[in-house]
């Protein structure tokens, strides 16, 4: 006899065997996972370098006019939101970018300045400058990478923005005079 959820059950009952199996599985996961991480199975630094290398190879695919390689870095369910248009899915992204690969030379390039990876090692973020063909900065890209079942990193979400004009006058603060509230009242 055994006790399961406050109920007395026979030691050979399916319910007790099932509970024991799950308990054993949970115990194994709790013991093995920290040991594998502590043994350095894949360090955080190694994951960051994997994403950085993937980003560079992704960018190189455009420079080398290799649309097939480009597509291999795009997740099947990717969302690319650039230039006011949102492309959903690998096929749409590849079709939307095809013209860039047809040009005699790559119209722009990019490279990672910052790469961060979640502790779980399945999601990452990269960002860096976008340069025109003359090497002038024309924007900043932001990509979310996902490590997929095959172990490869692929872009799941991509977006970008133009270059910030840091010399422009700042917009009035919310709630200040001239920012749309009467007499400078706090806009809370």
C-alpha atoms as a PDB file:
ATOM      1  CA  UNK A   1       0.000   0.000   0.000  1.00  0.00           C
ATOM      2  CA  UNK A   2       1.080   3.554  -0.681  1.00  0.00           C
ATOM      3  CA  UNK A   3      -0.280   7.033  -0.153  1.00  0.00           C
ATOM      4  CA  UNK A   4      -1.010   9.203  -3.201  1.00  0.00           C
ATOM      5  CA  UNK A   5      -2.690  12.592  -2.849  1.00  0.00           C
ATOM      6  CA  UNK A   6      -3.976  11.545   0.582  1.00  0.00           C
ATOM      7  CA  UNK A   7      -5.539   8.386  -0.860  1.00  0.00           C
ATOM      8  CA  UNK A   8      -4.400   4.919   0.150  1.00  0.00           C
ATOM      9  CA  UNK A   9      -3.660   2.902  -3.016  1.00  0.00           C
ATOM     10  CA  UNK A  10      -2.216  -0.538  -3.709  1.00  0.00           C
ATOM     11  CA  UNK A  11       1.555  -0.560  -4.356  1.00  0.00           C
ATOM     12  CA  UNK A  12       0.965  -2.089  -7.786  1.00  0.00           C
ATOM     13  CA  UNK A  13      -1.844   0.231  -8.867  1.00  0.00           C
ATOM     14  CA  UNK A  14      -1.353   1.998 -12.233  1.00  0.00           C
ATOM     15  CA  UNK A  15      -1.877   5.333 -10.520  1.00  0.00           C
ATOM     16  CA  UNK A  16       0.976   4.799  -8.069  1.00  0.00           C
ATOM     17  CA  UNK A  17       3.318   3.400 -10.760  1.00  0.00           C
ATOM     18  CA  UNK A  18       2.564   6.453 -12.922  1.00  0.00           C
ATOM     19  CA  UNK A  19       3.278   8.844 -10.029  1.00  0.00           C
ATOM     20  CA  UNK A  20       6.557   7.063  -9.241  1.00  0.00           C
ATOM     21  CA  UNK A  21       7.688   7.252 -12.877  1.00  0.00           C
ATOM     22  CA  UNK A  22       6.981  10.989 -13.032  1.00  0.00           C
ATOM     23  CA  UNK A  23       8.756  11.527  -9.725  1.00  0.00           C
ATOM     24  CA  UNK A  24      11.797   9.664 -11.045  1.00  0.00           C
ATOM     25  CA  UNK A  25      11.757  11.683 -14.283  1.00  0.00           C
ATOM     26  CA  UNK A  26      11.496  14.999 -12.424  1.00  0.00           C
ATOM     27  CA  UNK A  27      14.357  13.978 -10.140  1.00  0.00           C
ATOM     28  CA  UNK A  28      16.551  13.043 -13.123  1.00  0.00           C
ATOM     29  CA  UNK A  29      15.859  16.373 -14.835  1.00  0.00           C
ATOM     30  CA  UNK A  30      16.608  18.269 -11.633  1.00  0.00           C
ATOM     31  CA  UNK A  31      19.908  16.434 -11.176  1.00  0.00           C
ATOM     32  CA  UNK A  32      21.124  16.212 -14.773  1.00  0.00           C
ATOM     33  CA  UNK A  33      20.295  19.712 -16.074  1.00  0.00           C
ATOM     34  CA  UNK A  34      22.381  21.699 -13.548  1.00  0.00           C
ATOM     35  CA  UNK A  35      25.217  19.166 -13.887  1.00  0.00           C
ATOM     36  CA  UNK A  36      25.248  19.556 -17.674  1.00  0.00           C
ATOM     37  CA  UNK A  37      25.218  23.341 -17.403  1.00  0.00           C
ATOM     38  CA  UNK A  38      27.919  23.316 -14.725  1.00  0.00           C
ATOM     39  CA  UNK A  39      30.047  21.032 -16.877  1.00  0.00           C
ATOM     40  CA  UNK A  40      29.940  23.731 -19.552  1.00  0.00           C
ATOM     41  CA  UNK A  41      27.832  21.831 -22.078  1.00  0.00           C
ATOM     42  CA  UNK A  42      27.226  25.181 -23.802  1.00  0.00           C
ATOM     43  CA  UNK A  43      28.373  28.333 -22.080  1.00  0.00           C
ATOM     44  CA  UNK A  44      26.618  31.660 -22.365  1.00  0.00           C
ATOM     45  CA  UNK A  45      29.685  33.084 -24.130  1.00  0.00           C
ATOM     46  CA  UNK A  46      29.593  30.233 -26.653  1.00  0.00           C
ATOM     47  CA  UNK A  47      25.899  30.894 -27.348  1.00  0.00           C
ATOM     48  CA  UNK A  48      26.602  34.602 -27.883  1.00  0.00           C
ATOM     49  CA  UNK A  49      29.357  33.718 -30.361  1.00  0.00           C
ATOM     50  CA  UNK A  50      27.056  31.287 -32.176  1.00  0.00           C
ATOM     51  CA  UNK A  51      24.492  34.046 -32.688  1.00  0.00           C
ATOM     52  CA  UNK A  52      27.167  36.579 -33.664  1.00  0.00           C
ATOM     53  CA  UNK A  53      28.572  34.142 -36.260  1.00  0.00           C
ATOM     54  CA  UNK A  54      25.066  33.402 -37.553  1.00  0.00           C
ATOM     55  CA  UNK A  55      24.338  37.133 -37.907  1.00  0.00           C
ATOM     56  CA  UNK A  56      27.584  37.693 -39.811  1.00  0.00           C
ATOM     57  CA  UNK A  57      26.892  34.744 -42.123  1.00  0.00           C
ATOM     58  CA  UNK A  58      23.339  36.005 -42.642  1.00  0.00           C
ATOM     59  CA  UNK A  59      24.681  39.422 -43.662  1.00  0.00           C
ATOM     60  CA  UNK A  60      27.336  37.798 -45.849  1.00  0.00           C
ATOM     61  CA  UNK A  61      24.610  35.955 -47.787  1.00  0.00           C
ATOM     62  CA  UNK A  62      23.414  39.316 -49.142  1.00  0.00           C
ATOM     63  CA  UNK A  63      26.944  40.475 -49.946  1.00  0.00           C
ATOM     64  CA  UNK A  64      27.519  37.236 -51.879  1.00  0.00           C
ATOM     65  CA  UNK A  65      24.102  37.299 -53.597  1.00  0.00           C
ATOM     66  CA  UNK A  66      23.258  33.903 -52.115  1.00  0.00           C
ATOM     67  CA  UNK A  67      19.485  33.923 -51.710  1.00  0.00           C
ATOM     68  CA  UNK A  68      19.422  30.233 -50.725  1.00  0.00           C
ATOM     69  CA  UNK A  69      21.864  30.860 -47.849  1.00  0.00           C
ATOM     70  CA  UNK A  70      19.827  33.925 -46.832  1.00  0.00           C
ATOM     71  CA  UNK A  71      16.655  31.820 -46.682  1.00  0.00           C
ATOM     72  CA  UNK A  72      18.392  29.236 -44.500  1.00  0.00           C
ATOM     73  CA  UNK A  73      18.795  31.866 -41.747  1.00  0.00           C
ATOM     74  CA  UNK A  74      15.128  32.912 -41.787  1.00  0.00           C
ATOM     75  CA  UNK A  75      12.737  31.009 -39.493  1.00  0.00           C
ATOM     76  CA  UNK A  76       9.782  29.354 -41.204  1.00  0.00           C
ATOM     77  CA  UNK A  77       7.365  31.606 -39.231  1.00  0.00           C
ATOM     78  CA  UNK A  78       9.534  34.748 -39.305  1.00  0.00           C
ATOM     79  CA  UNK A  79       8.161  38.281 -39.162  1.00  0.00           C
ATOM     80  CA  UNK A  80      10.202  41.029 -40.843  1.00  0.00           C
ATOM     81  CA  UNK A  81       8.806  44.512 -40.174  1.00  0.00           C
ATOM     82  CA  UNK A  82      10.874  47.022 -42.119  1.00  0.00           C
ATOM     83  CA  UNK A  83      10.045  50.082 -44.170  1.00  0.00           C
ATOM     84  CA  UNK A  84       6.377  50.130 -43.180  1.00  0.00           C
ATOM     85  CA  UNK A  85       5.760  46.675 -44.628  1.00  0.00           C
ATOM     86  CA  UNK A  86       5.446  43.475 -42.627  1.00  0.00           C
ATOM     87  CA  UNK A  87       6.493  40.208 -44.220  1.00  0.00           C
ATOM     88  CA  UNK A  88       5.215  37.045 -42.538  1.00  0.00           C
ATOM     89  CA  UNK A  89       6.804  33.660 -43.118  1.00  0.00           C
ATOM     90  CA  UNK A  90      10.061  32.595 -44.780  1.00  0.00           C
ATOM     91  CA  UNK A  91       8.587  32.548 -48.285  1.00  0.00           C
ATOM     92  CA  UNK A  92       7.261  36.113 -47.988  1.00  0.00           C
ATOM     93  CA  UNK A  93      10.542  37.365 -46.524  1.00  0.00           C
ATOM     94  CA  UNK A  94      12.603  35.764 -49.295  1.00  0.00           C
ATOM     95  CA  UNK A  95      10.233  37.116 -51.958  1.00  0.00           C
ATOM     96  CA  UNK A  96      10.345  40.577 -50.368  1.00  0.00           C
ATOM     97  CA  UNK A  97      14.150  40.608 -50.263  1.00  0.00           C
ATOM     98  CA  UNK A  98      14.739  39.028 -53.702  1.00  0.00           C
ATOM     99  CA  UNK A  99      15.281  42.400 -55.418  1.00  0.00           C
ATOM    100  CA  UNK A 100      18.228  43.154 -53.105  1.00  0.00           C
ATOM    101  CA  UNK A 101      19.945  40.013 -54.378  1.00  0.00           C
ATOM    102  CA  UNK A 102      19.333  40.920 -58.031  1.00  0.00           C
ATOM    103  CA  UNK A 103      21.239  44.225 -57.784  1.00  0.00           C
ATOM    104  CA  UNK A 104      24.809  44.202 -59.168  1.00  0.00           C
ATOM    105  CA  UNK A 105      26.135  44.891 -55.682  1.00  0.00           C
ATOM    106  CA  UNK A 106      24.545  44.695 -52.260  1.00  0.00           C
ATOM    107  CA  UNK A 107      22.647  47.944 -51.629  1.00  0.00           C
ATOM    108  CA  UNK A 108      23.393  47.788 -47.899  1.00  0.00           C
ATOM    109  CA  UNK A 109      25.182  45.737 -45.267  1.00  0.00           C
ATOM    110  CA  UNK A 110      24.915  45.161 -41.542  1.00  0.00           C
ATOM    111  CA  UNK A 111      26.948  43.733 -38.700  1.00  0.00           C
ATOM    112  CA  UNK A 112      26.282  42.907 -35.057  1.00  0.00           C
ATOM    113  CA  UNK A 113      27.430  45.377 -32.408  1.00  0.00           C
ATOM    114  CA  UNK A 114      25.519  43.824 -29.522  1.00  0.00           C
ATOM    115  CA  UNK A 115      24.335  40.252 -29.020  1.00  0.00           C
ATOM    116  CA  UNK A 116      22.451  38.981 -25.962  1.00  0.00           C
ATOM    117  CA  UNK A 117      21.180  35.454 -25.297  1.00  0.00           C
ATOM    118  CA  UNK A 118      18.583  34.374 -22.739  1.00  0.00           C
ATOM    119  CA  UNK A 119      19.855  32.076 -20.012  1.00  0.00           C
ATOM    120  CA  UNK A 120      17.813  29.188 -21.456  1.00  0.00           C
ATOM    121  CA  UNK A 121      19.828  29.431 -24.666  1.00  0.00           C
ATOM    122  CA  UNK A 122      16.907  29.420 -27.089  1.00  0.00           C
ATOM    123  CA  UNK A 123      16.298  33.124 -27.797  1.00  0.00           C
ATOM    124  CA  UNK A 124      18.754  35.859 -28.639  1.00  0.00           C
ATOM    125  CA  UNK A 125      18.802  39.507 -29.668  1.00  0.00           C
ATOM    126  CA  UNK A 126      21.249  41.206 -32.006  1.00  0.00           C
ATOM    127  CA  UNK A 127      21.510  44.797 -33.094  1.00  0.00           C
ATOM    128  CA  UNK A 128      23.938  46.912 -35.047  1.00  0.00           C
ATOM    129  CA  UNK A 129      24.435  49.423 -37.827  1.00  0.00           C
ATOM    130  CA  UNK A 130      23.041  49.214 -41.348  1.00  0.00           C
ATOM    131  CA  UNK A 131      25.414  50.791 -43.880  1.00  0.00           C
ATOM    132  CA  UNK A 132      24.747  51.870 -47.458  1.00  0.00           C
ATOM    133  CA  UNK A 133      27.018  50.802 -50.322  1.00  0.00           C
ATOM    134  CA  UNK A 134      29.308  53.782 -49.547  1.00  0.00           C
ATOM    135  CA  UNK A 135      29.737  52.614 -45.953  1.00  0.00           C
ATOM    136  CA  UNK A 136      27.601  55.393 -44.466  1.00  0.00           C
ATOM    137  CA  UNK A 137      25.296  54.505 -41.603  1.00  0.00           C
ATOM    138  CA  UNK A 138      21.694  54.610 -42.735  1.00  0.00           C
ATOM    139  CA  UNK A 139      19.990  52.783 -39.892  1.00  0.00           C
ATOM    140  CA  UNK A 140      20.035  50.237 -37.114  1.00  0.00           C
ATOM    141  CA  UNK A 141      18.713  46.700 -37.326  1.00  0.00           C
ATOM    142  CA  UNK A 142      17.235  44.633 -34.508  1.00  0.00           C
ATOM    143  CA  UNK A 143      16.851  40.869 -34.851  1.00  0.00           C
ATOM    144  CA  UNK A 144      15.435  38.232 -32.544  1.00  0.00           C
ATOM    145  CA  UNK A 145      17.078  34.866 -33.101  1.00  0.00           C
ATOM    146  CA  UNK A 146      15.643  31.505 -32.077  1.00  0.00           C
ATOM    147  CA  UNK A 147      17.648  28.306 -31.699  1.00  0.00           C
ATOM    148  CA  UNK A 148      15.578  25.672 -33.437  1.00  0.00           C
ATOM    149  CA  UNK A 149      15.320  21.911 -32.992  1.00  0.00           C
ATOM    150  CA  UNK A 150      18.160  21.270 -35.433  1.00  0.00           C
ATOM    151  CA  UNK A 151      20.423  23.438 -33.253  1.00  0.00           C
ATOM    152  CA  UNK A 152      20.685  26.257 -35.815  1.00  0.00           C
ATOM    153  CA  UNK A 153      19.940  29.864 -34.990  1.00  0.00           C
ATOM    154  CA  UNK A 154      17.375  31.506 -37.274  1.00  0.00           C
ATOM    155  CA  UNK A 155      15.897  35.002 -37.363  1.00  0.00           C
ATOM    156  CA  UNK A 156      12.359  34.923 -35.991  1.00  0.00           C
ATOM    157  CA  UNK A 157      11.713  38.685 -35.856  1.00  0.00           C
ATOM    158  CA  UNK A 158      13.564  41.437 -37.682  1.00  0.00           C
ATOM    159  CA  UNK A 159      13.044  45.184 -37.723  1.00  0.00           C
ATOM    160  CA  UNK A 160      15.028  48.332 -38.162  1.00  0.00           C
ATOM    161  CA  UNK A 161      14.956  52.061 -37.912  1.00  0.00           C
ATOM    162  CA  UNK A 162      16.625  55.002 -39.599  1.00  0.00           C
ATOM    163  CA  UNK A 163      19.526  56.956 -38.205  1.00  0.00           C
ATOM    164  CA  UNK A 164      18.674  59.147 -35.250  1.00  0.00           C
ATOM    165  CA  UNK A 165      19.191  62.863 -35.809  1.00  0.00           C
ATOM    166  CA  UNK A 166      20.745  63.648 -32.455  1.00  0.00           C
ATOM    167  CA  UNK A 167      21.033  67.360 -33.289  1.00  0.00           C
ATOM    168  CA  UNK A 168      17.290  67.787 -33.699  1.00  0.00           C
ATOM    169  CA  UNK A 169      15.417  69.665 -30.979  1.00  0.00           C
ATOM    170  CA  UNK A 170      13.882  67.220 -28.519  1.00  0.00           C
ATOM    171  CA  UNK A 171      10.111  66.854 -28.499  1.00  0.00           C
ATOM    172  CA  UNK A 172       8.404  68.547 -25.559  1.00  0.00           C
ATOM    173  CA  UNK A 173       7.943  66.276 -22.554  1.00  0.00           C
ATOM    174  CA  UNK A 174       4.512  64.804 -22.025  1.00  0.00           C
ATOM    175  CA  UNK A 175       2.514  67.115 -19.767  1.00  0.00           C
ATOM    176  CA  UNK A 176       4.740  70.169 -20.313  1.00  0.00           C
ATOM    177  CA  UNK A 177       3.506  73.483 -21.725  1.00  0.00           C
ATOM    178  CA  UNK A 178       3.190  73.185 -25.483  1.00  0.00           C
ATOM    179  CA  UNK A 179       2.875  69.412 -25.395  1.00  0.00           C
ATOM    180  CA  UNK A 180      -0.882  69.374 -25.725  1.00  0.00           C
ATOM    181  CA  UNK A 181      -1.986  69.984 -22.138  1.00  0.00           C
ATOM    182  CA  UNK A 182      -3.553  73.213 -20.956  1.00  0.00           C
ATOM    183  CA  UNK A 183      -1.268  75.494 -18.945  1.00  0.00           C
ATOM    184  CA  UNK A 184       1.461  72.891 -18.424  1.00  0.00           C
ATOM    185  CA  UNK A 185      -0.680  70.576 -16.314  1.00  0.00           C
ATOM    186  CA  UNK A 186       0.697  67.125 -15.792  1.00  0.00           C
ATOM    187  CA  UNK A 187      -0.747  64.812 -18.396  1.00  0.00           C
ATOM    188  CA  UNK A 188      -1.294  61.867 -16.077  1.00  0.00           C
END
